[in-house]
Amino acid sequence: MESQLTILLPIAAVWLAAGLVADGLPRLHNTRVLRRRTGWLLVLALTGVVLTTTVLGGGLLSAGTAPVDRAAAGLTLAAGPALVTAVCSLRRIRRLRAGAGAFASAPATPAPHGLRAAAAHPLVGLPLQVTALATVPALIAAAGTDLGADPGVTGPAITVGALTVLAIGVRHALRHSRFTERAQPDAPRSARTAGPLHV
């Protein structure tokens, strides 16, 4: 039990750290800081994907009840969002870092709303945070509490988890929409609002 928890704790910690860093990216106003934090996020997300894949692969290759088998069984729920991170989020994070790096010659430049809108995109932070959330049942099971043993607990736990994921997704979508609107150029004034034309 203790060995299983030793395997799962670093993975959960990496995903939690990645989710927190991703959540703070749109609030950054400086391009240099945005580029640095995006670099941290890229390292954390890659580490999380590698660790999760290693444990899941080790569970497939190992036969029996070794700690890695129990850890892999617990991480099954996190496999989906971790895959979305590997396929979608990493590419967006790399592009965001490159975009912030375009301002390297002027490090004091405020981060444009377009970059902050890209940082607020749901596919940047949502998969990381959902993966971190999906490691919680594995940690609880490794600590000795079996959520699946009591049907009276399993149903509410699934409901709370689903509502939490929905709330995180809605929050990301609203924040992305707000930054996208700020990034749009001002609409030109119409001839009617500009006043009468004098000849």
N, C-alpha and C. Protein backbone atom coordinates (compact mmCIF):
# COMPACT_ATOMS: atom_id res chain seq x y z
N MET A 1 0.83 -1.20 0.00
CA MET A 1 0.00 0.00 0.00
C MET A 1 0.87 1.25 0.00
N GLU A 2 1.90 1.22 0.85
CA GLU A 2 2.77 2.39 0.97
C GLU A 2 3.55 2.62 -0.33
N SER A 3 4.01 1.52 -0.96
CA SER A 3 4.76 1.65 -2.22
C SER A 3 3.88 2.23 -3.32
N GLN A 4 2.62 1.81 -3.35
CA GLN A 4 1.68 2.34 -4.34
C GLN A 4 1.50 3.84 -4.16
N LEU A 5 1.37 4.27 -2.92
CA LEU A 5 1.22 5.70 -2.64
C LEU A 5 2.48 6.47 -3.01
N THR A 6 3.63 5.85 -2.82
CA THR A 6 4.90 6.48 -3.18
C THR A 6 4.99 6.71 -4.69
N ILE A 7 4.41 5.82 -5.46
CA ILE A 7 4.41 5.98 -6.93
C ILE A 7 3.43 7.07 -7.35
N LEU A 8 2.26 7.09 -6.70
CA LEU A 8 1.19 8.00 -7.15
C LEU A 8 1.39 9.44 -6.70
N LEU A 9 1.98 9.65 -5.53
CA LEU A 9 2.11 11.01 -5.00
C LEU A 9 2.90 11.95 -5.91
N PRO A 10 4.08 11.55 -6.44
CA PRO A 10 4.79 12.46 -7.35
C PRO A 10 4.00 12.78 -8.61
N ILE A 11 3.28 11.79 -9.13
CA ILE A 11 2.49 12.02 -10.35
C ILE A 11 1.39 13.03 -10.07
N ALA A 12 0.67 12.84 -8.96
CA ALA A 12 -0.40 13.78 -8.61
C ALA A 12 0.16 15.17 -8.35
N ALA A 13 1.33 15.24 -7.71
CA ALA A 13 1.93 16.55 -7.42
C ALA A 13 2.32 17.28 -8.70
N VAL A 14 2.86 16.55 -9.67
CA VAL A 14 3.25 17.18 -10.94
C VAL A 14 2.03 17.70 -11.68
N TRP A 15 0.95 16.90 -11.73
CA TRP A 15 -0.25 17.35 -12.43
C TRP A 15 -0.90 18.53 -11.71
N LEU A 16 -0.89 18.51 -10.39
CA LEU A 16 -1.45 19.63 -9.63
C LEU A 16 -0.66 20.91 -9.88
N ALA A 17 0.67 20.80 -9.85
CA ALA A 17 1.52 21.97 -10.12
C ALA A 17 1.28 22.50 -11.54
N ALA A 18 1.16 21.60 -12.51
CA ALA A 18 0.91 22.02 -13.90
C ALA A 18 -0.43 22.72 -14.01
N GLY A 19 -1.45 22.20 -13.33
CA GLY A 19 -2.76 22.84 -13.36
C GLY A 19 -2.74 24.23 -12.75
N LEU A 20 -2.01 24.40 -11.67
CA LEU A 20 -1.93 25.71 -11.02
C LEU A 20 -1.17 26.72 -11.88
N VAL A 21 -0.06 26.28 -12.49
CA VAL A 21 0.71 27.18 -13.37
C VAL A 21 -0.13 27.58 -14.58
N ALA A 22 -0.83 26.62 -15.18
CA ALA A 22 -1.67 26.91 -16.34
C ALA A 22 -2.78 27.88 -15.98
N ASP A 23 -3.34 27.73 -14.79
CA ASP A 23 -4.43 28.61 -14.38
C ASP A 23 -3.97 30.06 -14.21
N GLY A 24 -2.72 30.25 -13.86
CA GLY A 24 -2.22 31.60 -13.64
C GLY A 24 -1.69 32.29 -14.88
N LEU A 25 -1.51 31.58 -15.98
CA LEU A 25 -0.92 32.18 -17.19
C LEU A 25 -1.69 33.40 -17.71
N PRO A 26 -3.02 33.34 -17.84
CA PRO A 26 -3.72 34.51 -18.42
C PRO A 26 -3.64 35.76 -17.56
N ARG A 27 -3.29 35.61 -16.29
CA ARG A 27 -3.21 36.79 -15.41
C ARG A 27 -1.87 37.51 -15.52
N LEU A 28 -0.91 36.94 -16.27
CA LEU A 28 0.41 37.55 -16.37
C LEU A 28 0.39 38.70 -17.37
N HIS A 29 0.97 39.81 -17.00
CA HIS A 29 0.94 41.01 -17.84
C HIS A 29 2.25 41.27 -18.57
N ASN A 30 3.30 40.53 -18.25
CA ASN A 30 4.62 40.77 -18.84
C ASN A 30 5.01 39.60 -19.73
N THR A 31 5.51 39.90 -20.94
CA THR A 31 5.83 38.82 -21.88
C THR A 31 6.99 37.96 -21.40
N ARG A 32 7.97 38.57 -20.71
CA ARG A 32 9.10 37.77 -20.22
C ARG A 32 8.63 36.76 -19.18
N VAL A 33 7.79 37.21 -18.24
CA VAL A 33 7.26 36.31 -17.21
C VAL A 33 6.38 35.25 -17.84
N LEU A 34 5.57 35.65 -18.82
CA LEU A 34 4.70 34.69 -19.51
C LEU A 34 5.52 33.61 -20.20
N ARG A 35 6.61 33.99 -20.85
CA ARG A 35 7.47 33.01 -21.52
C ARG A 35 8.11 32.07 -20.51
N ARG A 36 8.58 32.62 -19.39
CA ARG A 36 9.22 31.78 -18.37
C ARG A 36 8.23 30.79 -17.77
N ARG A 37 7.04 31.28 -17.42
CA ARG A 37 6.03 30.39 -16.82
C ARG A 37 5.56 29.35 -17.83
N THR A 38 5.48 29.73 -19.10
CA THR A 38 5.08 28.75 -20.11
C THR A 38 6.14 27.67 -20.25
N GLY A 39 7.41 28.04 -20.10
CA GLY A 39 8.47 27.04 -20.09
C GLY A 39 8.33 26.08 -18.92
N TRP A 40 8.02 26.62 -17.73
CA TRP A 40 7.78 25.75 -16.58
C TRP A 40 6.61 24.80 -16.86
N LEU A 41 5.55 25.36 -17.43
CA LEU A 41 4.36 24.55 -17.71
C LEU A 41 4.67 23.43 -18.69
N LEU A 42 5.47 23.75 -19.70
CA LEU A 42 5.84 22.73 -20.70
C LEU A 42 6.60 21.58 -20.04
N VAL A 43 7.54 21.92 -19.15
CA VAL A 43 8.31 20.89 -18.44
C VAL A 43 7.40 20.06 -17.54
N LEU A 44 6.52 20.72 -16.80
CA LEU A 44 5.61 20.00 -15.90
C LEU A 44 4.67 19.09 -16.67
N ALA A 45 4.09 19.60 -17.76
CA ALA A 45 3.15 18.79 -18.55
C ALA A 45 3.85 17.59 -19.17
N LEU A 46 5.06 17.80 -19.72
CA LEU A 46 5.82 16.68 -20.29
C LEU A 46 6.15 15.65 -19.21
N THR A 47 6.56 16.13 -18.05
CA THR A 47 6.88 15.22 -16.95
C THR A 47 5.66 14.42 -16.53
N GLY A 48 4.51 15.09 -16.43
CA GLY A 48 3.29 14.39 -16.06
C GLY A 48 2.90 13.32 -17.07
N VAL A 49 3.01 13.66 -18.35
CA VAL A 49 2.67 12.68 -19.41
C VAL A 49 3.63 11.50 -19.35
N VAL A 50 4.93 11.77 -19.20
CA VAL A 50 5.92 10.69 -19.17
C VAL A 50 5.71 9.79 -17.96
N LEU A 51 5.51 10.39 -16.78
CA LEU A 51 5.32 9.59 -15.57
C LEU A 51 4.05 8.74 -15.65
N THR A 52 2.97 9.36 -16.11
CA THR A 52 1.70 8.62 -16.22
C THR A 52 1.82 7.48 -17.23
N THR A 53 2.44 7.77 -18.38
CA THR A 53 2.61 6.73 -19.40
C THR A 53 3.50 5.61 -18.90
N THR A 54 4.55 5.96 -18.16
CA THR A 54 5.47 4.95 -17.64
C THR A 54 4.77 4.01 -16.67
N VAL A 55 3.97 4.59 -15.76
CA VAL A 55 3.28 3.75 -14.78
C VAL A 55 2.22 2.88 -15.46
N LEU A 56 1.45 3.48 -16.40
CA LEU A 56 0.44 2.69 -17.10
C LEU A 56 1.08 1.59 -17.94
N GLY A 57 2.20 1.91 -18.60
CA GLY A 57 2.91 0.89 -19.38
C GLY A 57 3.49 -0.19 -18.49
N GLY A 58 4.03 0.22 -17.33
CA GLY A 58 4.56 -0.76 -16.39
C GLY A 58 3.48 -1.68 -15.87
N GLY A 59 2.28 -1.15 -15.68
CA GLY A 59 1.17 -1.99 -15.23
C GLY A 59 0.75 -2.99 -16.29
N LEU A 60 0.86 -2.62 -17.56
CA LEU A 60 0.51 -3.55 -18.63
C LEU A 60 1.54 -4.66 -18.78
N LEU A 61 2.80 -4.29 -18.59
CA LEU A 61 3.88 -5.27 -18.79
C LEU A 61 4.06 -6.17 -17.57
N SER A 62 3.63 -5.71 -16.42
CA SER A 62 3.81 -6.49 -15.21
C SER A 62 2.55 -7.32 -14.94
N ALA A 63 2.77 -8.53 -14.54
CA ALA A 63 1.64 -9.41 -14.22
C ALA A 63 1.65 -9.70 -12.72
N GLY A 64 0.53 -9.44 -12.07
CA GLY A 64 0.47 -9.72 -10.65
C GLY A 64 -0.09 -8.56 -9.86
N THR A 65 0.26 -8.51 -8.60
CA THR A 65 -0.25 -7.47 -7.71
C THR A 65 0.88 -6.61 -7.18
N ALA A 66 1.84 -6.32 -8.02
CA ALA A 66 2.94 -5.44 -7.63
C ALA A 66 2.40 -4.02 -7.42
N PRO A 67 3.13 -3.18 -6.70
CA PRO A 67 2.67 -1.80 -6.49
C PRO A 67 2.42 -1.05 -7.79
N VAL A 68 3.24 -1.31 -8.80
CA VAL A 68 3.03 -0.61 -10.07
C VAL A 68 1.72 -1.04 -10.72
N ASP A 69 1.32 -2.29 -10.52
CA ASP A 69 0.03 -2.76 -11.06
C ASP A 69 -1.13 -2.02 -10.39
N ARG A 70 -1.08 -1.88 -9.07
CA ARG A 70 -2.14 -1.19 -8.36
C ARG A 70 -2.14 0.31 -8.70
N ALA A 71 -0.94 0.89 -8.85
CA ALA A 71 -0.86 2.30 -9.23
C ALA A 71 -1.42 2.51 -10.63
N ALA A 72 -1.11 1.59 -11.55
CA ALA A 72 -1.61 1.71 -12.92
C ALA A 72 -3.13 1.57 -12.96
N ALA A 73 -3.67 0.67 -12.14
CA ALA A 73 -5.13 0.52 -12.08
C ALA A 73 -5.79 1.79 -11.56
N GLY A 74 -5.14 2.45 -10.61
CA GLY A 74 -5.68 3.70 -10.09
C GLY A 74 -5.60 4.84 -11.09
N LEU A 75 -4.59 4.81 -11.96
CA LEU A 75 -4.40 5.89 -12.93
C LEU A 75 -5.22 5.71 -14.21
N THR A 76 -5.99 4.65 -14.29
CA THR A 76 -6.79 4.41 -15.50
C THR A 76 -7.70 5.59 -15.80
N LEU A 77 -8.28 6.19 -14.76
CA LEU A 77 -9.18 7.34 -14.94
C LEU A 77 -8.44 8.56 -15.49
N ALA A 78 -7.17 8.68 -15.16
CA ALA A 78 -6.38 9.83 -15.61
C ALA A 78 -5.80 9.64 -17.01
N ALA A 79 -5.94 8.45 -17.57
CA ALA A 79 -5.32 8.19 -18.88
C ALA A 79 -5.93 9.05 -19.98
N GLY A 80 -7.25 9.24 -19.95
CA GLY A 80 -7.92 10.03 -20.99
C GLY A 80 -7.47 11.48 -21.03
N PRO A 81 -7.61 12.22 -19.91
CA PRO A 81 -7.15 13.61 -19.94
C PRO A 81 -5.65 13.75 -20.16
N ALA A 82 -4.85 12.76 -19.70
CA ALA A 82 -3.41 12.81 -19.96
C ALA A 82 -3.13 12.67 -21.45
N LEU A 83 -3.93 11.84 -22.13
CA LEU A 83 -3.78 11.71 -23.59
C LEU A 83 -4.14 13.00 -24.30
N VAL A 84 -5.22 13.67 -23.85
CA VAL A 84 -5.59 14.97 -24.43
C VAL A 84 -4.47 15.99 -24.22
N THR A 85 -3.84 15.94 -23.05
CA THR A 85 -2.71 16.83 -22.79
C THR A 85 -1.59 16.57 -23.77
N ALA A 86 -1.27 15.28 -23.99
CA ALA A 86 -0.17 14.94 -24.90
C ALA A 86 -0.47 15.34 -26.33
N VAL A 87 -1.73 15.19 -26.76
CA VAL A 87 -2.08 15.45 -28.16
C VAL A 87 -2.35 16.92 -28.43
N CYS A 88 -3.05 17.59 -27.53
CA CYS A 88 -3.50 18.97 -27.79
C CYS A 88 -2.76 20.02 -26.97
N SER A 89 -2.68 19.82 -25.66
CA SER A 89 -2.18 20.87 -24.78
C SER A 89 -0.70 21.18 -25.02
N LEU A 90 0.12 20.15 -25.17
CA LEU A 90 1.56 20.38 -25.34
C LEU A 90 1.85 21.22 -26.58
N ARG A 91 1.12 20.95 -27.66
CA ARG A 91 1.32 21.74 -28.88
C ARG A 91 0.93 23.19 -28.66
N ARG A 92 -0.18 23.44 -27.98
CA ARG A 92 -0.61 24.82 -27.69
C ARG A 92 0.36 25.53 -26.77
N ILE A 93 0.88 24.82 -25.79
CA ILE A 93 1.84 25.42 -24.85
C ILE A 93 3.12 25.80 -25.58
N ARG A 94 3.58 24.95 -26.48
CA ARG A 94 4.79 25.27 -27.27
C ARG A 94 4.56 26.50 -28.13
N ARG A 95 3.39 26.59 -28.77
CA ARG A 95 3.09 27.76 -29.61
C ARG A 95 2.97 29.02 -28.77
N LEU A 96 2.40 28.90 -27.59
CA LEU A 96 2.28 30.05 -26.69
C LEU A 96 3.66 30.54 -26.26
N ARG A 97 4.55 29.62 -25.96
CA ARG A 97 5.91 29.99 -25.56
C ARG A 97 6.64 30.67 -26.71
N ALA A 98 6.45 30.14 -27.92
CA ALA A 98 7.08 30.77 -29.09
C ALA A 98 6.52 32.17 -29.31
N GLY A 99 5.21 32.33 -29.12
CA GLY A 99 4.61 33.65 -29.29
C GLY A 99 5.13 34.66 -28.27
N ALA A 100 5.30 34.21 -27.02
CA ALA A 100 5.86 35.11 -26.01
C ALA A 100 7.33 35.37 -26.28
N GLY A 101 8.03 34.40 -26.89
CA GLY A 101 9.44 34.58 -27.21
C GLY A 101 9.67 35.59 -28.32
N ALA A 102 8.64 35.88 -29.10
CA ALA A 102 8.78 36.88 -30.16
C ALA A 102 9.03 38.27 -29.59
N PHE A 103 8.73 38.45 -28.31
CA PHE A 103 8.94 39.74 -27.66
C PHE A 103 10.22 39.74 -26.82
N ALA A 104 11.12 38.78 -27.08
CA ALA A 104 12.34 38.66 -26.27
C ALA A 104 13.23 39.89 -26.37
N SER A 105 13.19 40.58 -27.51
CA SER A 105 14.03 41.77 -27.67
C SER A 105 13.49 42.95 -26.85
N ALA A 106 12.24 42.87 -26.44
CA ALA A 106 11.65 43.92 -25.60
C ALA A 106 10.97 43.26 -24.41
N PRO A 107 11.76 42.81 -23.43
CA PRO A 107 11.21 41.99 -22.33
C PRO A 107 10.21 42.71 -21.44
N ALA A 108 10.23 44.04 -21.44
CA ALA A 108 9.30 44.77 -20.59
C ALA A 108 7.95 45.00 -21.26
N THR A 109 7.79 44.48 -22.48
CA THR A 109 6.54 44.68 -23.22
C THR A 109 5.37 44.00 -22.50
N PRO A 110 4.27 44.71 -22.34
CA PRO A 110 3.09 44.06 -21.75
C PRO A 110 2.58 42.94 -22.66
N ALA A 111 2.10 41.87 -22.06
CA ALA A 111 1.58 40.75 -22.85
C ALA A 111 0.32 41.18 -23.58
N PRO A 112 0.28 41.04 -24.91
CA PRO A 112 -0.94 41.43 -25.63
C PRO A 112 -2.11 40.52 -25.28
N HIS A 113 -3.32 41.06 -25.48
CA HIS A 113 -4.51 40.28 -25.14
C HIS A 113 -4.61 39.01 -25.98
N GLY A 114 -4.05 39.03 -27.20
CA GLY A 114 -4.08 37.82 -28.02
C GLY A 114 -3.32 36.68 -27.37
N LEU A 115 -2.13 36.98 -26.82
CA LEU A 115 -1.35 35.95 -26.13
C LEU A 115 -2.07 35.48 -24.87
N ARG A 116 -2.66 36.41 -24.15
CA ARG A 116 -3.37 36.03 -22.93
C ARG A 116 -4.63 35.23 -23.26
N ALA A 117 -5.25 35.52 -24.39
CA ALA A 117 -6.40 34.71 -24.83
C ALA A 117 -5.96 33.30 -25.17
N ALA A 118 -4.78 33.18 -25.83
CA ALA A 118 -4.24 31.85 -26.14
C ALA A 118 -3.90 31.10 -24.85
N ALA A 119 -3.39 31.81 -23.85
CA ALA A 119 -3.07 31.17 -22.57
C ALA A 119 -4.33 30.73 -21.84
N ALA A 120 -5.44 31.43 -22.08
CA ALA A 120 -6.70 31.10 -21.41
C ALA A 120 -7.51 30.05 -22.16
N HIS A 121 -7.02 29.56 -23.30
CA HIS A 121 -7.78 28.58 -24.07
C HIS A 121 -8.04 27.33 -23.24
N PRO A 122 -9.25 26.80 -23.27
CA PRO A 122 -9.56 25.63 -22.44
C PRO A 122 -8.64 24.43 -22.66
N LEU A 123 -8.11 24.25 -23.87
CA LEU A 123 -7.24 23.10 -24.13
C LEU A 123 -5.84 23.28 -23.55
N VAL A 124 -5.54 24.45 -23.00
CA VAL A 124 -4.25 24.63 -22.34
C VAL A 124 -4.33 24.14 -20.89
N GLY A 125 -5.29 24.65 -20.14
CA GLY A 125 -5.35 24.33 -18.72
C GLY A 125 -6.30 23.22 -18.32
N LEU A 126 -7.41 23.08 -19.05
CA LEU A 126 -8.45 22.13 -18.64
C LEU A 126 -7.95 20.68 -18.58
N PRO A 127 -7.27 20.15 -19.62
CA PRO A 127 -6.81 18.75 -19.51
C PRO A 127 -5.85 18.52 -18.35
N LEU A 128 -5.00 19.51 -18.06
CA LEU A 128 -4.05 19.37 -16.95
C LEU A 128 -4.80 19.30 -15.62
N GLN A 129 -5.79 20.17 -15.45
CA GLN A 129 -6.52 20.20 -14.19
C GLN A 129 -7.43 18.99 -14.03
N VAL A 130 -8.01 18.52 -15.13
CA VAL A 130 -8.84 17.31 -15.06
C VAL A 130 -7.98 16.09 -14.74
N THR A 131 -6.77 16.03 -15.30
CA THR A 131 -5.87 14.92 -14.99
C THR A 131 -5.49 14.95 -13.51
N ALA A 132 -5.19 16.15 -12.99
CA ALA A 132 -4.88 16.26 -11.56
C ALA A 132 -6.06 15.79 -10.72
N LEU A 133 -7.27 16.18 -11.11
CA LEU A 133 -8.46 15.76 -10.39
C LEU A 133 -8.67 14.24 -10.48
N ALA A 134 -8.33 13.66 -11.64
CA ALA A 134 -8.52 12.23 -11.84
C ALA A 134 -7.54 11.38 -11.03
N THR A 135 -6.46 11.99 -10.53
CA THR A 135 -5.53 11.22 -9.69
C THR A 135 -6.01 11.12 -8.24
N VAL A 136 -7.00 11.94 -7.87
CA VAL A 136 -7.47 11.95 -6.47
C VAL A 136 -8.06 10.60 -6.05
N PRO A 137 -8.95 9.96 -6.86
CA PRO A 137 -9.46 8.64 -6.43
C PRO A 137 -8.35 7.61 -6.25
N ALA A 138 -7.31 7.67 -7.10
CA ALA A 138 -6.21 6.72 -6.95
C ALA A 138 -5.46 6.96 -5.64
N LEU A 139 -5.28 8.23 -5.27
CA LEU A 139 -4.61 8.55 -4.01
C LEU A 139 -5.45 8.09 -2.81
N ILE A 140 -6.76 8.30 -2.90
CA ILE A 140 -7.65 7.89 -1.80
C ILE A 140 -7.62 6.36 -1.65
N ALA A 141 -7.64 5.66 -2.79
CA ALA A 141 -7.59 4.19 -2.73
C ALA A 141 -6.24 3.71 -2.20
N ALA A 142 -5.16 4.39 -2.59
CA ALA A 142 -3.83 3.99 -2.11
C ALA A 142 -3.68 4.25 -0.62
N ALA A 143 -4.43 5.23 -0.11
CA ALA A 143 -4.37 5.53 1.33
C ALA A 143 -5.19 4.54 2.15
N GLY A 144 -5.94 3.67 1.48
CA GLY A 144 -6.66 2.62 2.19
C GLY A 144 -8.16 2.76 2.20
N THR A 145 -8.71 3.74 1.50
CA THR A 145 -10.16 3.92 1.45
C THR A 145 -10.67 3.52 0.07
N ASP A 146 -11.54 2.55 0.02
CA ASP A 146 -12.08 2.08 -1.26
C ASP A 146 -13.43 2.74 -1.51
N LEU A 147 -13.44 3.71 -2.43
CA LEU A 147 -14.68 4.42 -2.74
C LEU A 147 -15.71 3.52 -3.42
N GLY A 148 -15.22 2.54 -4.17
CA GLY A 148 -16.13 1.66 -4.91
C GLY A 148 -16.82 0.63 -4.05
N ALA A 149 -16.37 0.48 -2.80
CA ALA A 149 -16.96 -0.56 -1.94
C ALA A 149 -18.33 -0.16 -1.42
N ASP A 150 -18.57 1.12 -1.28
CA ASP A 150 -19.85 1.60 -0.73
C ASP A 150 -20.63 2.33 -1.82
N PRO A 151 -21.73 1.73 -2.31
CA PRO A 151 -22.51 2.40 -3.37
C PRO A 151 -23.07 3.75 -2.93
N GLY A 152 -23.30 3.92 -1.64
CA GLY A 152 -23.81 5.20 -1.15
C GLY A 152 -22.79 6.32 -1.25
N VAL A 153 -21.51 5.97 -1.39
CA VAL A 153 -20.45 6.96 -1.51
C VAL A 153 -20.05 7.14 -2.97
N THR A 154 -20.07 6.04 -3.74
CA THR A 154 -19.60 6.08 -5.12
C THR A 154 -20.42 7.03 -5.98
N GLY A 155 -21.75 6.95 -5.88
CA GLY A 155 -22.62 7.81 -6.69
C GLY A 155 -22.39 9.29 -6.45
N PRO A 156 -22.46 9.74 -5.19
CA PRO A 156 -22.19 11.16 -4.93
C PRO A 156 -20.79 11.59 -5.33
N ALA A 157 -19.79 10.71 -5.16
CA ALA A 157 -18.42 11.06 -5.53
C ALA A 157 -18.31 11.29 -7.03
N ILE A 158 -18.97 10.43 -7.83
CA ILE A 158 -18.95 10.60 -9.29
C ILE A 158 -19.66 11.89 -9.67
N THR A 159 -20.80 12.17 -9.01
CA THR A 159 -21.54 13.40 -9.30
C THR A 159 -20.72 14.64 -8.99
N VAL A 160 -20.07 14.65 -7.82
CA VAL A 160 -19.24 15.79 -7.44
C VAL A 160 -18.09 15.96 -8.42
N GLY A 161 -17.47 14.85 -8.82
CA GLY A 161 -16.37 14.92 -9.79
C GLY A 161 -16.82 15.48 -11.13
N ALA A 162 -17.97 15.00 -11.62
CA ALA A 162 -18.48 15.48 -12.90
C ALA A 162 -18.83 16.95 -12.84
N LEU A 163 -19.46 17.39 -11.75
CA LEU A 163 -19.83 18.80 -11.60
C LEU A 163 -18.58 19.69 -11.50
N THR A 164 -17.55 19.18 -10.84
CA THR A 164 -16.31 19.93 -10.72
C THR A 164 -15.65 20.12 -12.09
N VAL A 165 -15.62 19.05 -12.88
CA VAL A 165 -15.05 19.14 -14.23
C VAL A 165 -15.85 20.12 -15.08
N LEU A 166 -17.18 20.06 -14.97
CA LEU A 166 -18.04 20.97 -15.72
C LEU A 166 -17.79 22.42 -15.31
N ALA A 167 -17.66 22.66 -14.01
CA ALA A 167 -17.42 24.02 -13.53
C ALA A 167 -16.07 24.55 -14.02
N ILE A 168 -15.05 23.70 -13.99
CA ILE A 168 -13.72 24.11 -14.48
C ILE A 168 -13.79 24.44 -15.97
N GLY A 169 -14.49 23.59 -16.73
CA GLY A 169 -14.61 23.83 -18.18
C GLY A 169 -15.34 25.12 -18.50
N VAL A 170 -16.44 25.39 -17.79
CA VAL A 170 -17.20 26.63 -18.02
C VAL A 170 -16.35 27.84 -17.67
N ARG A 171 -15.62 27.76 -16.58
CA ARG A 171 -14.75 28.87 -16.17
C ARG A 171 -13.69 29.16 -17.23
N HIS A 172 -13.06 28.12 -17.75
CA HIS A 172 -12.05 28.31 -18.80
C HIS A 172 -12.68 28.92 -20.06
N ALA A 173 -13.86 28.43 -20.44
CA ALA A 173 -14.50 28.95 -21.65
C ALA A 173 -14.86 30.42 -21.50
N LEU A 174 -15.39 30.80 -20.34
CA LEU A 174 -15.77 32.21 -20.12
C LEU A 174 -14.54 33.11 -20.10
N ARG A 175 -13.47 32.65 -19.47
CA ARG A 175 -12.26 33.48 -19.40
C ARG A 175 -11.63 33.63 -20.78
N HIS A 176 -11.62 32.54 -21.55
CA HIS A 176 -11.08 32.61 -22.91
C HIS A 176 -11.89 33.57 -23.77
N SER A 177 -13.21 33.51 -23.63
CA SER A 177 -14.09 34.40 -24.40
C SER A 177 -13.83 35.86 -24.04
N ARG A 178 -13.63 36.14 -22.75
CA ARG A 178 -13.37 37.51 -22.31
C ARG A 178 -12.07 38.05 -22.90
N PHE A 179 -11.01 37.27 -22.87
CA PHE A 179 -9.73 37.72 -23.42
C PHE A 179 -9.78 37.83 -24.94
N THR A 180 -10.55 36.95 -25.58
CA THR A 180 -10.68 37.01 -27.04
C THR A 180 -11.38 38.29 -27.45
N GLU A 181 -12.41 38.70 -26.71
CA GLU A 181 -13.10 39.96 -27.01
C GLU A 181 -12.16 41.15 -26.85
N ARG A 182 -11.31 41.12 -25.84
CA ARG A 182 -10.35 42.21 -25.64
C ARG A 182 -9.32 42.27 -26.77
N ALA A 183 -9.02 41.12 -27.34
CA ALA A 183 -8.01 41.08 -28.39
C ALA A 183 -8.53 41.56 -29.74
N GLN A 184 -9.86 41.65 -29.90
CA GLN A 184 -10.44 42.09 -31.16
C GLN A 184 -10.16 43.58 -31.36
N PRO A 185 -9.83 43.98 -32.61
CA PRO A 185 -9.63 45.42 -32.86
C PRO A 185 -10.95 46.17 -32.72
N ASP A 186 -10.83 47.44 -32.35
CA ASP A 186 -12.03 48.26 -32.21
C ASP A 186 -12.75 48.40 -33.54
N ALA A 187 -14.08 48.29 -33.51
CA ALA A 187 -14.86 48.41 -34.74
C ALA A 187 -14.81 49.85 -35.25
N PRO A 188 -14.66 50.05 -36.57
CA PRO A 188 -14.63 51.42 -37.09
C PRO A 188 -15.97 52.11 -36.90
N ARG A 189 -15.90 53.37 -36.64
CA ARG A 189 -17.14 54.13 -36.46
C ARG A 189 -17.86 54.25 -37.80
N SER A 190 -19.16 54.12 -37.76
CA SER A 190 -19.95 54.23 -38.99
C SER A 190 -20.09 55.69 -39.40
N ALA A 191 -20.48 55.92 -40.63
CA ALA A 191 -20.63 57.28 -41.15
C ALA A 191 -21.73 58.02 -40.39
N ARG A 192 -22.76 57.29 -39.92
CA ARG A 192 -23.86 57.95 -39.23
C ARG A 192 -23.39 58.45 -37.87
N THR A 193 -22.57 57.60 -37.14
CA THR A 193 -22.12 58.03 -35.83
C THR A 193 -21.01 59.05 -35.92
N ALA A 194 -20.34 59.13 -37.09
CA ALA A 194 -19.23 60.07 -37.22
C ALA A 194 -19.70 61.50 -37.38
N GLY A 195 -20.99 61.71 -37.65
CA GLY A 195 -21.51 63.07 -37.80
C GLY A 195 -21.71 63.41 -39.25
N PRO A 196 -22.32 64.56 -39.54
CA PRO A 196 -22.60 64.95 -40.94
C PRO A 196 -21.30 65.27 -41.67
N LEU A 197 -21.33 64.97 -42.97
CA LEU A 197 -20.17 65.22 -43.82
C LEU A 197 -20.31 66.62 -44.43
N HIS A 198 -19.32 67.49 -44.19
CA HIS A 198 -19.36 68.84 -44.72
C HIS A 198 -18.56 68.92 -46.00
N VAL A 199 -19.10 69.54 -47.01
CA VAL A 199 -18.45 69.69 -48.32
C VAL A 199 -17.91 71.10 -48.46
